[in-house]
Amino acid sequence: MKRQYKTLITVTTLVMLLSGCSQESAPEEPVIRPVKAAQVGEKMELSSRALPGRAAATQEVNLSFRVAGPLVQFPVAVGDEVRKGELLARIDPRDFEVELRRVKGQLEKAEAASKLARSEYERLLRIQKQDPGAISESMVASRHEQLERATADIGSLKAAVASAEDALSYSYLKAPFSGTVVKTFAENYEDVRPKQPILRLVDTRRIEFTVSVPEHLISHAAFVENIRVSFDAFAGKAIEAQVKEIGKEASPTTRTYPVTLIMEQPPGFRILPGMAGEARGELRLTRDDQQGGHDIPLSALFSDKEGASGVWVIEDGSRVRLREIKTGRLTDKGILVEEGLSLGEWIVTAGVHYLRDGQQVRILK
């Protein structure tokens, strides 16, 4: 029994010693430092990447009447090409024509009454001038008041005539621009209400194409030229395009900016709104680019006590190595590196004096 007890103590002691040794010999977990980083010459991505997008018409609108009534003409259908000013639909104009004739008749009566009131007023003024005692002042004032009322009636009725003429013109729905009817929302002989959509008209003579550009590249979008857009439906055919508009506000979810391209309809085939495709272009070199080298932020520059300049290059996406570089003049974006860096390399851009050679890092998104 004593021997078994001694054996148990010996085994327990060995287990404790071995577990202590394993704890002492366990390697420490490496500290991975998060860093801000940038890719050298990243603006050149605009020359190499294809940006997906979707086509849209330059103009598109749902057309409606401003007055109510039954449709008596609806000569267009989906797919019809129309010209600016062409009749698209018409409400029965008879009620509006009757109203216009009515207010015009009232205006004519008011103009006749005004002419009579003015003639009477001027007659009394002549009599009063020849014989001041023959006409009382109250009579002259009464005739003057009648003249003013008649004049006011004319102004009011002229406005009513203009309104009736507008209502009659609103019974005709005409194309505000040349385009294609892509959808109808009503049928002929149907009673329609004001502002009720009747048809959808789009202008496809020119096509817009919107792409999303990452925020770190948007400042270079204005320097892209020789833009070509190709559509999935027409493989192998590229259409020349130009930058129409560069968005000033990023999407809160994707952090990209919308850039709108515009192009003419190509000969031989037709681009329709909604078609998907991709855009490619070439980055026009700025003065700094033409002189060679790469722009880097000043915050990426590391200087030692001897005055040598260097940057922390991230190798394999996980470790930093200090590399000596040759710098040039200051630029709008920072400083020009003439030698020592290659296009596409990643460098640390903040906290460069808190790193050590070979340290593991993690690039912050």
Protein backbone atom coordinates (compact mmCIF):
# COMPACT_ATOMS: atom_id res chain seq x y z
CA MET A 1 0.00 0.00 0.00
CA LYS A 2 2.83 2.41 0.88
CA ARG A 3 4.55 1.50 -2.36
CA GLN A 4 1.37 2.35 -4.38
CA TYR A 5 1.08 5.62 -2.51
CA LYS A 6 4.70 6.57 -3.31
CA THR A 7 4.14 5.66 -6.97
CA LEU A 8 1.07 7.93 -7.13
CA ILE A 9 3.01 10.84 -5.63
CA THR A 10 5.85 10.31 -8.12
CA VAL A 11 3.47 10.28 -11.12
CA THR A 12 1.66 13.39 -9.88
CA THR A 13 4.94 15.23 -9.42
CA LEU A 14 6.10 14.33 -12.93
CA VAL A 15 2.81 15.51 -14.42
CA MET A 16 3.10 18.83 -12.59
CA LEU A 17 6.72 19.30 -13.72
CA LEU A 18 5.88 18.48 -17.35
CA SER A 19 2.90 20.84 -17.39
CA GLY A 20 5.05 23.59 -15.88
CA CYS A 21 7.70 23.06 -18.51
CA SER A 22 5.12 23.19 -21.32
CA GLN A 23 3.72 26.47 -19.97
CA GLU A 24 7.17 27.99 -19.71
CA SER A 25 8.13 26.91 -23.24
CA ALA A 26 4.84 28.04 -24.96
CA PRO A 27 5.68 30.72 -27.56
CA GLU A 28 4.21 34.19 -27.15
CA GLU A 29 1.49 35.28 -29.58
CA PRO A 30 2.92 37.87 -32.02
CA VAL A 31 1.42 41.36 -31.75
CA ILE A 32 -0.11 42.37 -35.09
CA ARG A 33 -0.21 46.15 -35.43
CA PRO A 34 -3.03 47.73 -37.44
CA VAL A 35 -1.74 50.37 -39.87
CA LYS A 36 -3.04 52.81 -42.44
CA ALA A 37 -1.62 52.05 -45.87
CA ALA A 38 -1.83 53.12 -49.51
CA GLN A 39 -0.92 51.50 -52.79
CA VAL A 40 1.80 53.20 -54.82
CA GLY A 41 0.42 54.72 -58.01
CA GLU A 42 -3.08 53.47 -57.22
CA LYS A 43 -4.61 56.05 -59.55
CA MET A 44 -3.34 53.90 -62.43
CA GLU A 45 -6.08 51.42 -61.51
CA LEU A 46 -8.43 53.55 -63.59
CA SER A 47 -6.47 52.57 -66.69
CA SER A 48 -6.60 48.88 -65.95
CA ARG A 49 -9.93 48.14 -64.33
CA ALA A 50 -13.31 47.73 -66.00
CA LEU A 51 -16.11 49.56 -64.20
CA PRO A 52 -19.57 47.96 -64.54
CA GLY A 53 -22.62 50.10 -65.12
CA ARG A 54 -26.06 50.36 -66.67
CA ALA A 55 -27.43 52.41 -69.56
CA ALA A 56 -30.10 55.08 -69.12
CA ALA A 57 -31.87 57.54 -71.41
CA THR A 58 -30.70 61.15 -71.35
CA GLN A 59 -34.31 62.29 -70.88
CA GLU A 60 -37.31 60.35 -69.66
CA VAL A 61 -40.67 61.53 -68.41
CA ASN A 62 -44.18 60.34 -67.58
CA LEU A 63 -46.55 62.67 -69.43
CA SER A 64 -49.99 63.65 -68.12
CA PHE A 65 -52.75 66.19 -68.76
CA ARG A 66 -53.33 69.24 -66.59
CA VAL A 67 -57.11 69.04 -67.13
CA ALA A 68 -59.70 66.27 -66.88
CA GLY A 69 -61.90 64.74 -69.56
CA PRO A 70 -62.39 61.80 -71.92
CA LEU A 71 -59.65 60.83 -74.36
CA VAL A 72 -60.74 61.16 -77.98
CA GLN A 73 -57.33 60.69 -79.64
CA PHE A 74 -54.47 58.40 -78.66
CA PRO A 75 -52.52 57.86 -81.89
CA VAL A 76 -49.27 56.45 -80.45
CA ALA A 77 -48.30 53.01 -79.16
CA VAL A 78 -45.36 51.50 -77.34
CA GLY A 79 -42.26 51.58 -79.53
CA ASP A 80 -43.33 54.55 -81.66
CA GLU A 81 -40.74 57.19 -82.46
CA VAL A 82 -42.12 60.73 -82.09
CA ARG A 83 -40.76 64.20 -82.77
CA LYS A 84 -40.86 67.23 -80.53
CA GLY A 85 -44.28 68.93 -80.72
CA GLU A 86 -46.05 65.87 -82.18
CA LEU A 87 -49.55 65.10 -80.84
CA LEU A 88 -49.51 62.17 -78.42
CA ALA A 89 -53.03 62.26 -76.97
CA ARG A 90 -56.07 64.54 -76.88
CA ILE A 91 -58.94 65.14 -74.47
CA ASP A 92 -62.33 66.08 -75.92
CA PRO A 93 -61.93 69.86 -76.30
CA ARG A 94 -65.60 70.83 -76.73
CA ASP A 95 -66.25 71.84 -73.11
CA PHE A 96 -63.10 73.99 -73.12
CA GLU A 97 -64.06 75.60 -76.44
CA VAL A 98 -67.50 76.46 -75.07
CA GLU A 99 -65.99 78.02 -71.97
CA LEU A 100 -63.57 80.03 -74.06
CA ARG A 101 -66.39 81.40 -76.22
CA ARG A 102 -68.41 82.29 -73.12
CA VAL A 103 -65.66 84.34 -71.45
CA LYS A 104 -64.74 85.97 -74.75
CA GLY A 105 -68.38 87.08 -75.10
CA GLN A 106 -68.33 88.52 -71.60
CA LEU A 107 -65.12 90.35 -72.40
CA GLU A 108 -66.67 91.90 -75.50
CA LYS A 109 -69.65 93.12 -73.43
CA ALA A 110 -67.34 94.53 -70.79
CA GLU A 111 -65.27 96.35 -73.41
CA ALA A 112 -68.45 97.86 -74.90
CA ALA A 113 -69.65 98.92 -71.44
CA SER A 114 -66.27 100.44 -70.70
CA LYS A 115 -66.33 102.36 -73.99
CA LEU A 116 -69.79 103.71 -73.17
CA ALA A 117 -68.78 104.64 -69.61
CA ARG A 118 -65.70 106.47 -70.86
CA SER A 119 -67.73 108.36 -73.48
CA GLU A 120 -70.30 109.41 -70.87
CA TYR A 121 -67.64 110.48 -68.41
CA GLU A 122 -65.79 112.56 -71.01
CA ARG A 123 -69.11 114.17 -72.10
CA LEU A 124 -69.84 115.28 -68.53
CA LEU A 125 -66.34 116.72 -68.21
CA ARG A 126 -66.86 118.80 -71.35
CA ILE A 127 -70.22 120.14 -70.12
CA GLN A 128 -68.72 120.93 -66.71
CA LYS A 129 -65.89 122.80 -68.36
CA GLN A 130 -68.27 124.88 -70.50
CA ASP A 131 -70.83 125.48 -67.72
CA PRO A 132 -69.55 124.60 -64.22
CA GLY A 133 -72.97 124.92 -62.65
CA ALA A 134 -74.77 122.64 -65.07
CA ILE A 135 -73.23 119.36 -63.78
CA SER A 136 -72.80 118.45 -60.13
CA GLU A 137 -69.55 117.03 -58.81
CA SER A 138 -71.36 113.98 -57.49
CA MET A 139 -72.59 113.10 -60.99
CA VAL A 140 -69.05 113.40 -62.40
CA ALA A 141 -67.71 111.23 -59.56
CA SER A 142 -70.43 108.61 -60.19
CA ARG A 143 -69.58 108.36 -63.89
CA HIS A 144 -65.88 108.08 -63.07
CA GLU A 145 -66.61 105.22 -60.68
CA GLN A 146 -68.61 103.42 -63.38
CA LEU A 147 -65.66 103.79 -65.76
CA GLU A 148 -63.23 102.30 -63.22
CA ARG A 149 -65.53 99.32 -62.58
CA ALA A 150 -65.84 98.67 -66.29
CA THR A 151 -62.06 98.87 -66.70
CA ALA A 152 -61.56 96.44 -63.80
CA ASP A 153 -64.08 94.02 -65.34
CA ILE A 154 -62.09 94.05 -68.55
CA GLY A 155 -58.88 93.11 -66.69
CA SER A 156 -60.61 90.27 -64.87
CA LEU A 157 -62.21 88.90 -68.03
CA LYS A 158 -58.95 89.08 -69.98
CA ALA A 159 -57.41 86.86 -67.28
CA ALA A 160 -60.41 84.48 -67.59
CA VAL A 161 -59.94 84.33 -71.38
CA ALA A 162 -56.24 83.53 -70.95
CA SER A 163 -57.12 80.79 -68.45
CA ALA A 164 -59.72 79.30 -70.81
CA GLU A 165 -57.22 79.37 -73.67
CA ASP A 166 -54.68 77.57 -71.47
CA ALA A 167 -57.25 74.94 -70.49
CA LEU A 168 -58.04 74.36 -74.16
CA SER A 169 -54.32 74.00 -74.99
CA TYR A 170 -53.90 71.59 -72.06
CA SER A 171 -56.42 69.24 -73.71
CA TYR A 172 -53.68 68.47 -76.27
CA LEU A 173 -50.74 66.36 -75.04
CA LYS A 174 -47.66 66.99 -77.20
CA ALA A 175 -44.12 65.59 -77.09
CA PRO A 176 -41.78 67.91 -75.14
CA PHE A 177 -38.79 66.34 -76.94
CA SER A 178 -38.11 63.79 -79.65
CA GLY A 179 -38.01 60.26 -78.32
CA THR A 180 -39.60 56.82 -78.04
CA VAL A 181 -42.86 55.83 -76.35
CA VAL A 182 -41.89 53.00 -73.99
CA LYS A 183 -45.09 52.60 -71.94
CA THR A 184 -48.74 53.67 -71.94
CA PHE A 185 -50.95 53.95 -68.87
CA ALA A 186 -54.38 54.72 -70.39
CA GLU A 187 -56.68 53.67 -73.22
CA ASN A 188 -58.45 55.78 -75.79
CA TYR A 189 -61.96 56.99 -74.76
CA GLU A 190 -61.03 56.62 -71.11
CA ASP A 191 -61.86 59.46 -68.71
CA VAL A 192 -58.60 60.78 -67.30
CA ARG A 193 -57.82 63.03 -64.35
CA PRO A 194 -55.33 65.88 -64.06
CA LYS A 195 -51.75 64.62 -63.47
CA GLN A 196 -52.75 61.02 -64.22
CA PRO A 197 -49.86 59.39 -66.18
CA ILE A 198 -50.82 58.74 -69.79
CA LEU A 199 -47.56 57.54 -71.35
CA ARG A 200 -43.81 57.35 -70.77
CA LEU A 201 -41.45 59.02 -73.24
CA VAL A 202 -37.66 58.53 -73.32
CA ASP A 203 -34.99 60.17 -75.43
CA THR A 204 -32.56 57.48 -76.60
CA ARG A 205 -30.73 59.49 -79.25
CA ARG A 206 -27.94 59.76 -76.65
CA ILE A 207 -27.30 57.25 -73.89
CA GLU A 208 -26.00 57.81 -70.37
CA PHE A 209 -23.94 55.18 -68.57
CA THR A 210 -23.34 55.45 -64.82
CA VAL A 211 -20.43 53.70 -63.07
CA SER A 212 -19.34 53.66 -59.43
CA VAL A 213 -15.77 54.83 -58.77
CA PRO A 214 -14.05 54.06 -55.41
CA GLU A 215 -13.40 57.09 -53.22
CA HIS A 216 -9.61 56.69 -53.43
CA LEU A 217 -9.80 57.01 -57.24
CA ILE A 218 -12.49 59.65 -57.71
CA SER A 219 -10.02 62.57 -57.72
CA HIS A 220 -8.49 61.13 -60.92
CA ALA A 221 -11.79 60.57 -62.77
CA ALA A 222 -11.55 63.92 -64.55
CA PHE A 223 -8.23 62.85 -66.15
CA VAL A 224 -9.57 59.70 -67.83
CA GLU A 225 -9.76 59.83 -71.63
CA ASN A 226 -10.32 57.46 -74.58
CA ILE A 227 -13.28 55.95 -72.71
CA ARG A 228 -14.92 52.95 -74.33
CA VAL A 229 -18.14 51.29 -73.19
CA SER A 230 -19.03 47.73 -74.16
CA PHE A 231 -22.40 46.11 -73.48
CA ASP A 232 -23.12 42.50 -72.60
CA ALA A 233 -25.73 42.29 -75.35
CA PHE A 234 -23.21 43.32 -78.04
CA ALA A 235 -19.97 41.51 -77.27
CA GLY A 236 -16.87 42.81 -79.00
CA LYS A 237 -18.37 46.21 -79.86
CA ALA A 238 -17.11 49.26 -77.96
CA ILE A 239 -18.71 52.72 -78.05
CA GLU A 240 -16.81 55.96 -77.48
CA ALA A 241 -18.03 57.94 -74.45
CA GLN A 242 -17.20 61.10 -72.52
CA VAL A 243 -17.51 62.06 -68.87
CA LYS A 244 -20.73 64.05 -68.40
CA GLU A 245 -20.89 64.40 -64.63
CA ILE A 246 -18.82 63.41 -61.60
CA GLY A 247 -20.80 62.90 -58.41
CA LYS A 248 -19.88 64.91 -55.33
CA GLU A 249 -21.41 62.64 -52.69
CA ALA A 250 -20.37 59.06 -51.92
CA SER A 251 -22.76 56.21 -51.32
CA PRO A 252 -22.98 55.63 -47.54
CA THR A 253 -22.89 51.85 -48.03
CA THR A 254 -20.32 51.29 -50.79
CA ARG A 255 -18.22 54.48 -50.40
CA THR A 256 -18.20 54.94 -54.16
CA TYR A 257 -19.02 58.00 -56.25
CA PRO A 258 -21.30 57.95 -59.30
CA VAL A 259 -19.70 59.05 -62.57
CA THR A 260 -22.04 59.54 -65.52
CA LEU A 261 -20.76 58.95 -69.05
CA ILE A 262 -22.60 59.96 -72.20
CA MET A 263 -22.42 58.53 -75.73
CA GLU A 264 -24.17 58.73 -79.08
CA GLN A 265 -26.25 55.84 -80.36
CA PRO A 266 -23.89 53.68 -82.45
CA PRO A 267 -24.63 52.76 -86.07
CA GLY A 268 -25.73 49.20 -86.74
CA PHE A 269 -27.24 48.42 -83.36
CA ARG A 270 -29.24 50.21 -80.68
CA ILE A 271 -28.52 50.63 -76.96
CA LEU A 272 -31.65 50.59 -74.82
CA PRO A 273 -32.12 51.90 -71.25
CA GLY A 274 -31.30 49.24 -68.66
CA MET A 275 -28.67 47.39 -70.67
CA ALA A 276 -25.64 46.32 -68.60
CA GLY A 277 -22.03 46.79 -69.62
CA GLU A 278 -18.61 48.01 -68.54
CA ALA A 279 -16.44 51.06 -69.18
CA ARG A 280 -12.69 51.30 -69.66
CA GLY A 281 -10.45 54.31 -70.19
CA GLU A 282 -6.91 55.63 -70.15
CA LEU A 283 -5.56 57.93 -67.46
CA ARG A 284 -4.14 61.14 -68.91
CA LEU A 285 -0.77 61.84 -67.29
CA THR A 286 -0.54 64.97 -65.19
CA ARG A 287 2.60 67.13 -65.04
CA ASP A 288 3.81 65.18 -61.98
CA ASP A 289 3.25 61.85 -63.71
CA GLN A 290 5.11 62.94 -66.83
CA GLN A 291 8.21 63.79 -64.80
CA GLY A 292 8.41 60.24 -63.48
CA GLY A 293 8.18 58.82 -59.99
CA HIS A 294 5.26 58.31 -57.66
CA ASP A 295 3.48 60.66 -55.29
CA ILE A 296 3.26 59.52 -51.67
CA PRO A 297 1.86 61.32 -48.62
CA LEU A 298 4.38 63.16 -46.45
CA SER A 299 3.11 61.14 -43.49
CA ALA A 300 4.55 57.98 -45.10
CA LEU A 301 8.11 59.36 -45.06
CA PHE A 302 10.46 57.94 -42.41
CA SER A 303 13.74 59.72 -41.65
CA ASP A 304 16.49 58.39 -39.39
CA LYS A 305 19.03 60.39 -37.37
CA GLU A 306 21.47 60.41 -40.28
CA GLY A 307 18.87 62.06 -42.54
CA ALA A 308 18.25 59.09 -44.81
CA SER A 309 14.69 58.83 -46.17
CA GLY A 310 12.72 55.64 -46.33
CA VAL A 311 9.27 54.12 -46.25
CA TRP A 312 7.82 51.03 -44.65
CA VAL A 313 6.90 48.62 -47.44
CA ILE A 314 4.36 45.92 -46.60
CA GLU A 315 5.62 42.61 -47.96
CA ASP A 316 3.23 39.71 -48.57
CA GLY A 317 0.52 41.88 -47.02
CA SER A 318 1.67 41.15 -43.46
CA ARG A 319 5.22 42.34 -42.60
CA VAL A 320 6.93 45.70 -42.96
CA ARG A 321 10.45 46.31 -44.27
CA LEU A 322 12.16 49.66 -44.23
CA ARG A 323 13.29 50.65 -47.71
CA GLU A 324 15.49 53.57 -48.62
CA ILE A 325 14.11 55.85 -51.32
CA LYS A 326 15.20 58.87 -53.33
CA THR A 327 12.79 61.77 -53.00
CA GLY A 328 12.20 64.72 -55.29
CA ARG A 329 10.18 67.87 -55.00
CA LEU A 330 6.97 68.46 -53.08
CA THR A 331 3.71 68.00 -55.01
CA ASP A 332 0.05 68.77 -54.43
CA LYS A 333 -0.40 65.25 -53.05
CA GLY A 334 2.75 65.01 -50.90
CA ILE A 335 6.26 64.28 -52.14
CA LEU A 336 7.61 62.74 -55.33
CA VAL A 337 9.57 59.48 -54.97
CA GLU A 338 12.01 59.21 -57.86
CA GLU A 339 13.61 55.87 -56.99
CA GLY A 340 12.94 52.97 -54.65
CA LEU A 341 9.26 52.19 -55.14
CA SER A 342 7.36 50.23 -57.76
CA LEU A 343 3.81 50.61 -58.99
CA GLY A 344 1.34 48.61 -56.92
CA GLU A 345 3.44 48.23 -53.74
CA TRP A 346 1.77 48.93 -50.40
CA ILE A 347 3.35 51.40 -47.97
CA VAL A 348 2.43 52.51 -44.46
CA THR A 349 1.08 56.08 -44.41
CA ALA A 350 0.72 56.83 -40.69
CA GLY A 351 2.61 56.05 -37.48
CA VAL A 352 5.82 55.25 -39.35
CA HIS A 353 8.05 56.01 -36.33
CA TYR A 354 6.37 53.33 -34.20
CA LEU A 355 7.29 50.35 -36.38
CA ARG A 356 10.23 47.99 -36.43
CA ASP A 357 11.72 46.01 -39.25
CA GLY A 358 9.93 42.70 -39.81
CA GLN A 359 6.96 43.61 -37.63
CA GLN A 360 3.64 41.97 -38.47
CA VAL A 361 0.90 44.42 -39.49
CA ARG A 362 -2.68 44.44 -40.59
CA ILE A 363 -3.90 46.99 -43.14
CA LEU A 364 -6.90 48.96 -41.90
CA LYS A 365 -9.84 49.06 -44.32
